[in-house]
Structures are given as structure tokens and as C-alpha cells.
Amino acid sequence: MHVRRNVFFGLPLVLMAALTGCGGANIPEVSVTPPAASPVKALLMDVANTGELGSGASLIRDGLEEMKATDPAKASVLLEELTVLEGLEDPAEIQAKAKAIADKL
């Protein structure tokens, strides 16, 4: 008999909680957009697709120099790799190295 009485007293509380919900309906939705890809990464991906470095090397170097302000260790490593990339002549090697550098950004 004791168990039955607890069920009858607890049932209204459960029903009331279920009907009232969490109250989160008034929270506005926030649109989250991913950050734009780095211009340096975009330039490197162009090089990775074409196998031609050309004058884009100076733009890539400038972007990596700017990165020194926010992440000097990473920028230094990437600048060293860019120097290696600039010394390559085989388009397949240029493509592979450019993609490897872009993947680190």
C-alpha cells in the first residue's frame, strides 16, 4: 500500500515536469560561419594544383612573415619550408611540397 501511495504522489510531479519542458524555446539561433581560409593557404593550394610557383612565392613569403606576429614558431618553420620550395624545379616536387606546407596551415 505504501508503494502505491508514493506512485500516486510522484506521478503528478513527473507529469508537471514533462509538460513544462526545459524553457529553452526563447534562445535565439546563432549562425556559425567557419573562418575564411588563409590567403597563404589558398596561394599554396594554387601552386599545389599547377606545379608552378612563379611570383606567388613573394606573396606567400609576405603572408608567412605576417604570421610571425601571431605564431612565430610555426611561421619560422613554414618560411624554411618555403625556401626549400623555392629551390625546387620539378613540377611534381613543387606540387607535393606546396601541398605539404598548405596542410600545415
N, C-alpha and C. Protein backbone atom coordinates (compact mmCIF):
# COMPACT_ATOMS: atom_id res chain seq x y z
N MET A 1 0.82 -1.17 0.00
CA MET A 1 0.00 0.00 0.00
C MET A 1 0.87 1.25 0.00
N HIS A 2 2.00 1.18 0.70
CA HIS A 2 2.91 2.32 0.77
C HIS A 2 3.49 2.66 -0.61
N VAL A 3 3.82 1.65 -1.37
CA VAL A 3 4.40 1.85 -2.70
C VAL A 3 3.38 2.51 -3.61
N ARG A 4 2.15 2.09 -3.55
CA ARG A 4 1.10 2.62 -4.39
C ARG A 4 0.87 4.10 -4.09
N ARG A 5 0.92 4.50 -2.84
CA ARG A 5 0.71 5.89 -2.45
C ARG A 5 1.85 6.76 -3.00
N ASN A 6 3.11 6.30 -2.96
CA ASN A 6 4.24 7.05 -3.49
C ASN A 6 4.12 7.26 -5.00
N VAL A 7 3.61 6.27 -5.70
CA VAL A 7 3.42 6.39 -7.15
C VAL A 7 2.38 7.46 -7.44
N PHE A 8 1.29 7.47 -6.70
CA PHE A 8 0.23 8.45 -6.94
C PHE A 8 0.68 9.87 -6.60
N PHE A 9 1.54 10.00 -5.60
CA PHE A 9 2.03 11.34 -5.26
C PHE A 9 3.13 11.79 -6.23
N GLY A 10 3.93 10.86 -6.72
CA GLY A 10 5.04 11.20 -7.61
C GLY A 10 4.60 11.42 -9.04
N LEU A 11 3.52 10.76 -9.46
CA LEU A 11 3.05 10.86 -10.84
C LEU A 11 2.69 12.30 -11.25
N PRO A 12 1.98 13.05 -10.44
CA PRO A 12 1.69 14.44 -10.83
C PRO A 12 2.96 15.29 -11.00
N LEU A 13 3.96 15.04 -10.18
CA LEU A 13 5.20 15.79 -10.32
C LEU A 13 5.90 15.47 -11.63
N VAL A 14 5.92 14.21 -12.01
CA VAL A 14 6.53 13.80 -13.27
C VAL A 14 5.77 14.41 -14.45
N LEU A 15 4.45 14.36 -14.41
CA LEU A 15 3.64 14.94 -15.48
C LEU A 15 3.84 16.44 -15.59
N MET A 16 3.90 17.12 -14.46
CA MET A 16 4.10 18.56 -14.48
C MET A 16 5.47 18.91 -15.08
N ALA A 17 6.50 18.16 -14.73
CA ALA A 17 7.84 18.41 -15.27
C ALA A 17 7.87 18.17 -16.77
N ALA A 18 7.18 17.13 -17.22
CA ALA A 18 7.16 16.80 -18.65
C ALA A 18 6.42 17.87 -19.45
N LEU A 19 5.36 18.41 -18.89
CA LEU A 19 4.57 19.41 -19.60
C LEU A 19 5.24 20.78 -19.64
N THR A 20 6.01 21.11 -18.63
CA THR A 20 6.63 22.44 -18.60
C THR A 20 7.87 22.50 -19.47
N GLY A 21 8.57 21.42 -19.68
CA GLY A 21 9.75 21.42 -20.54
C GLY A 21 10.92 22.13 -19.91
N CYS A 22 11.92 22.38 -20.73
CA CYS A 22 13.16 23.00 -20.22
C CYS A 22 13.13 24.52 -20.30
N GLY A 23 12.23 25.06 -21.06
CA GLY A 23 12.14 26.52 -21.16
C GLY A 23 13.18 27.12 -22.09
N GLY A 24 13.79 26.34 -22.96
CA GLY A 24 14.83 26.85 -23.85
C GLY A 24 14.30 27.38 -25.17
N ALA A 25 13.01 27.53 -25.32
CA ALA A 25 12.43 27.95 -26.58
C ALA A 25 12.74 29.41 -26.91
N ASN A 26 13.12 30.21 -25.93
CA ASN A 26 13.37 31.63 -26.17
C ASN A 26 14.81 31.94 -26.53
N ILE A 27 15.64 30.94 -26.67
CA ILE A 27 17.05 31.16 -27.02
C ILE A 27 17.16 31.39 -28.52
N PRO A 28 17.71 32.52 -28.94
CA PRO A 28 17.82 32.79 -30.38
C PRO A 28 18.89 31.89 -31.02
N GLU A 29 18.66 31.56 -32.27
CA GLU A 29 19.65 30.77 -33.01
C GLU A 29 20.80 31.67 -33.43
N VAL A 30 22.00 31.12 -33.37
CA VAL A 30 23.18 31.86 -33.78
C VAL A 30 23.81 31.13 -34.95
N SER A 31 23.98 31.83 -36.04
CA SER A 31 24.60 31.24 -37.21
C SER A 31 26.12 31.25 -37.04
N VAL A 32 26.74 30.10 -37.22
CA VAL A 32 28.18 30.00 -37.07
C VAL A 32 28.78 29.76 -38.44
N THR A 33 29.64 30.68 -38.85
CA THR A 33 30.31 30.52 -40.14
C THR A 33 31.77 30.17 -39.88
N PRO A 34 32.30 29.22 -40.63
CA PRO A 34 33.70 28.86 -40.43
C PRO A 34 34.61 30.01 -40.85
N PRO A 35 35.78 30.11 -40.22
CA PRO A 35 36.69 31.19 -40.60
C PRO A 35 37.15 31.03 -42.04
N ALA A 36 37.41 32.16 -42.66
CA ALA A 36 37.88 32.14 -44.05
C ALA A 36 39.26 31.49 -44.13
N ALA A 37 39.48 30.80 -45.24
CA ALA A 37 40.77 30.15 -45.43
C ALA A 37 41.86 31.21 -45.56
N SER A 38 43.02 30.89 -45.07
CA SER A 38 44.15 31.81 -45.14
C SER A 38 44.49 32.09 -46.59
N PRO A 39 44.79 33.35 -46.93
CA PRO A 39 45.20 33.65 -48.31
C PRO A 39 46.48 32.92 -48.67
N VAL A 40 47.35 32.71 -47.69
CA VAL A 40 48.59 31.97 -47.94
C VAL A 40 48.26 30.53 -48.32
N LYS A 41 47.32 29.95 -47.60
CA LYS A 41 46.94 28.56 -47.91
C LYS A 41 46.34 28.48 -49.30
N ALA A 42 45.52 29.45 -49.66
CA ALA A 42 44.92 29.46 -51.00
C ALA A 42 46.00 29.57 -52.07
N LEU A 43 46.99 30.41 -51.84
CA LEU A 43 48.09 30.54 -52.80
C LEU A 43 48.87 29.23 -52.92
N LEU A 44 49.12 28.60 -51.78
CA LEU A 44 49.85 27.34 -51.79
C LEU A 44 49.05 26.24 -52.49
N MET A 45 47.74 26.25 -52.32
CA MET A 45 46.91 25.25 -53.00
C MET A 45 46.91 25.48 -54.51
N ASP A 46 46.98 26.74 -54.93
CA ASP A 46 47.10 27.02 -56.36
C ASP A 46 48.41 26.45 -56.90
N VAL A 47 49.48 26.64 -56.15
CA VAL A 47 50.79 26.09 -56.55
C VAL A 47 50.72 24.57 -56.55
N ALA A 48 50.06 23.99 -55.56
CA ALA A 48 49.93 22.53 -55.49
C ALA A 48 49.14 21.99 -56.68
N ASN A 49 48.21 22.77 -57.20
CA ASN A 49 47.41 22.33 -58.36
C ASN A 49 48.15 22.51 -59.68
N THR A 50 48.94 23.58 -59.80
CA THR A 50 49.59 23.88 -61.07
C THR A 50 51.02 23.37 -61.16
N GLY A 51 51.71 23.30 -60.03
CA GLY A 51 53.12 22.92 -60.05
C GLY A 51 54.04 24.07 -60.43
N GLU A 52 53.48 25.27 -60.47
CA GLU A 52 54.26 26.46 -60.83
C GLU A 52 54.22 27.45 -59.67
N LEU A 53 55.39 27.86 -59.20
CA LEU A 53 55.46 28.78 -58.07
C LEU A 53 55.41 30.22 -58.55
N GLY A 54 56.28 30.59 -59.44
CA GLY A 54 56.27 31.93 -60.03
C GLY A 54 56.35 33.05 -59.01
N SER A 55 55.69 34.16 -59.33
CA SER A 55 55.75 35.35 -58.48
C SER A 55 54.90 35.20 -57.21
N GLY A 56 54.11 34.14 -57.13
CA GLY A 56 53.30 33.90 -55.94
C GLY A 56 54.15 33.63 -54.71
N ALA A 57 55.41 33.26 -54.93
CA ALA A 57 56.30 32.97 -53.80
C ALA A 57 56.46 34.19 -52.90
N SER A 58 56.56 35.37 -53.49
CA SER A 58 56.74 36.58 -52.67
C SER A 58 55.49 36.87 -51.85
N LEU A 59 54.31 36.61 -52.42
CA LEU A 59 53.06 36.81 -51.67
C LEU A 59 52.94 35.80 -50.52
N ILE A 60 53.37 34.58 -50.79
CA ILE A 60 53.34 33.55 -49.75
C ILE A 60 54.31 33.94 -48.63
N ARG A 61 55.51 34.37 -49.02
CA ARG A 61 56.51 34.77 -48.03
C ARG A 61 56.00 35.95 -47.19
N ASP A 62 55.37 36.92 -47.84
CA ASP A 62 54.82 38.07 -47.10
C ASP A 62 53.77 37.62 -46.08
N GLY A 63 52.90 36.69 -46.49
CA GLY A 63 51.87 36.19 -45.59
C GLY A 63 52.46 35.44 -44.40
N LEU A 64 53.51 34.67 -44.67
CA LEU A 64 54.15 33.93 -43.58
C LEU A 64 54.92 34.87 -42.66
N GLU A 65 55.48 35.94 -43.21
CA GLU A 65 56.15 36.95 -42.37
C GLU A 65 55.13 37.62 -41.44
N GLU A 66 53.92 37.87 -41.94
CA GLU A 66 52.87 38.45 -41.11
C GLU A 66 52.45 37.49 -40.00
N MET A 67 52.53 36.20 -40.29
CA MET A 67 52.16 35.19 -39.30
C MET A 67 53.10 35.20 -38.10
N LYS A 68 54.29 35.72 -38.29
CA LYS A 68 55.25 35.78 -37.19
C LYS A 68 54.70 36.54 -35.99
N ALA A 69 53.82 37.49 -36.24
CA ALA A 69 53.25 38.29 -35.16
C ALA A 69 52.34 37.45 -34.25
N THR A 70 51.68 36.44 -34.80
CA THR A 70 50.74 35.65 -34.02
C THR A 70 51.27 34.26 -33.65
N ASP A 71 52.11 33.69 -34.52
CA ASP A 71 52.64 32.34 -34.27
C ASP A 71 54.06 32.25 -34.83
N PRO A 72 55.02 32.86 -34.12
CA PRO A 72 56.38 32.93 -34.65
C PRO A 72 57.05 31.58 -34.88
N ALA A 73 56.81 30.61 -34.03
CA ALA A 73 57.45 29.31 -34.19
C ALA A 73 56.97 28.62 -35.46
N LYS A 74 55.67 28.61 -35.65
CA LYS A 74 55.09 27.98 -36.84
C LYS A 74 55.52 28.73 -38.11
N ALA A 75 55.51 30.05 -38.05
CA ALA A 75 55.89 30.85 -39.21
C ALA A 75 57.34 30.58 -39.60
N SER A 76 58.23 30.44 -38.64
CA SER A 76 59.64 30.18 -38.94
C SER A 76 59.82 28.85 -39.65
N VAL A 77 59.11 27.83 -39.17
CA VAL A 77 59.20 26.51 -39.82
C VAL A 77 58.67 26.58 -41.24
N LEU A 78 57.54 27.25 -41.42
CA LEU A 78 56.94 27.35 -42.75
C LEU A 78 57.79 28.18 -43.70
N LEU A 79 58.45 29.21 -43.18
CA LEU A 79 59.35 30.00 -44.02
C LEU A 79 60.54 29.18 -44.49
N GLU A 80 61.05 28.33 -43.62
CA GLU A 80 62.15 27.43 -44.02
C GLU A 80 61.69 26.48 -45.12
N GLU A 81 60.47 25.96 -44.97
CA GLU A 81 59.94 25.05 -45.99
C GLU A 81 59.67 25.79 -47.29
N LEU A 82 59.27 27.04 -47.20
CA LEU A 82 59.07 27.84 -48.41
C LEU A 82 60.39 28.03 -49.14
N THR A 83 61.47 28.23 -48.41
CA THR A 83 62.79 28.38 -49.04
C THR A 83 63.14 27.11 -49.80
N VAL A 84 62.84 25.96 -49.23
CA VAL A 84 63.07 24.69 -49.93
C VAL A 84 62.21 24.63 -51.18
N LEU A 85 60.94 25.01 -51.06
CA LEU A 85 60.02 25.01 -52.20
C LEU A 85 60.53 25.89 -53.32
N GLU A 86 61.05 27.06 -52.97
CA GLU A 86 61.56 27.98 -53.99
C GLU A 86 62.74 27.40 -54.76
N GLY A 87 63.47 26.47 -54.16
CA GLY A 87 64.62 25.86 -54.82
C GLY A 87 64.27 24.68 -55.72
N LEU A 88 63.03 24.22 -55.68
CA LEU A 88 62.63 23.08 -56.48
C LEU A 88 62.34 23.49 -57.93
N GLU A 89 62.59 22.54 -58.86
CA GLU A 89 62.32 22.81 -60.27
C GLU A 89 61.32 21.84 -60.87
N ASP A 90 61.26 20.62 -60.35
CA ASP A 90 60.35 19.61 -60.88
C ASP A 90 58.92 19.94 -60.46
N PRO A 91 58.00 20.09 -61.43
CA PRO A 91 56.61 20.44 -61.08
C PRO A 91 55.96 19.48 -60.09
N ALA A 92 56.25 18.19 -60.20
CA ALA A 92 55.65 17.23 -59.26
C ALA A 92 56.16 17.46 -57.84
N GLU A 93 57.44 17.77 -57.71
CA GLU A 93 58.00 18.05 -56.39
C GLU A 93 57.44 19.35 -55.84
N ILE A 94 57.28 20.34 -56.72
CA ILE A 94 56.70 21.63 -56.31
C ILE A 94 55.28 21.41 -55.80
N GLN A 95 54.51 20.62 -56.53
CA GLN A 95 53.13 20.34 -56.12
C GLN A 95 53.09 19.66 -54.75
N ALA A 96 53.93 18.65 -54.57
CA ALA A 96 53.92 17.90 -53.32
C ALA A 96 54.35 18.78 -52.15
N LYS A 97 55.39 19.58 -52.34
CA LYS A 97 55.89 20.43 -51.25
C LYS A 97 54.88 21.52 -50.91
N ALA A 98 54.27 22.14 -51.92
CA ALA A 98 53.27 23.18 -51.69
C ALA A 98 52.08 22.62 -50.92
N LYS A 99 51.65 21.42 -51.28
CA LYS A 99 50.53 20.79 -50.58
C LYS A 99 50.92 20.47 -49.14
N ALA A 100 52.14 20.01 -48.92
CA ALA A 100 52.60 19.70 -47.56
C ALA A 100 52.62 20.95 -46.69
N ILE A 101 53.07 22.06 -47.27
CA ILE A 101 53.11 23.31 -46.50
C ILE A 101 51.68 23.79 -46.22
N ALA A 102 50.82 23.72 -47.23
CA ALA A 102 49.43 24.17 -47.05
C ALA A 102 48.72 23.35 -45.98
N ASP A 103 49.03 22.06 -45.92
CA ASP A 103 48.39 21.20 -44.93
C ASP A 103 48.80 21.58 -43.50
N LYS A 104 49.92 22.24 -43.35
CA LYS A 104 50.38 22.65 -42.00
C LYS A 104 49.75 23.95 -41.54
N LEU A 105 49.08 24.65 -42.44
CA LEU A 105 48.43 25.91 -42.07
C LEU A 105 47.10 25.67 -41.43
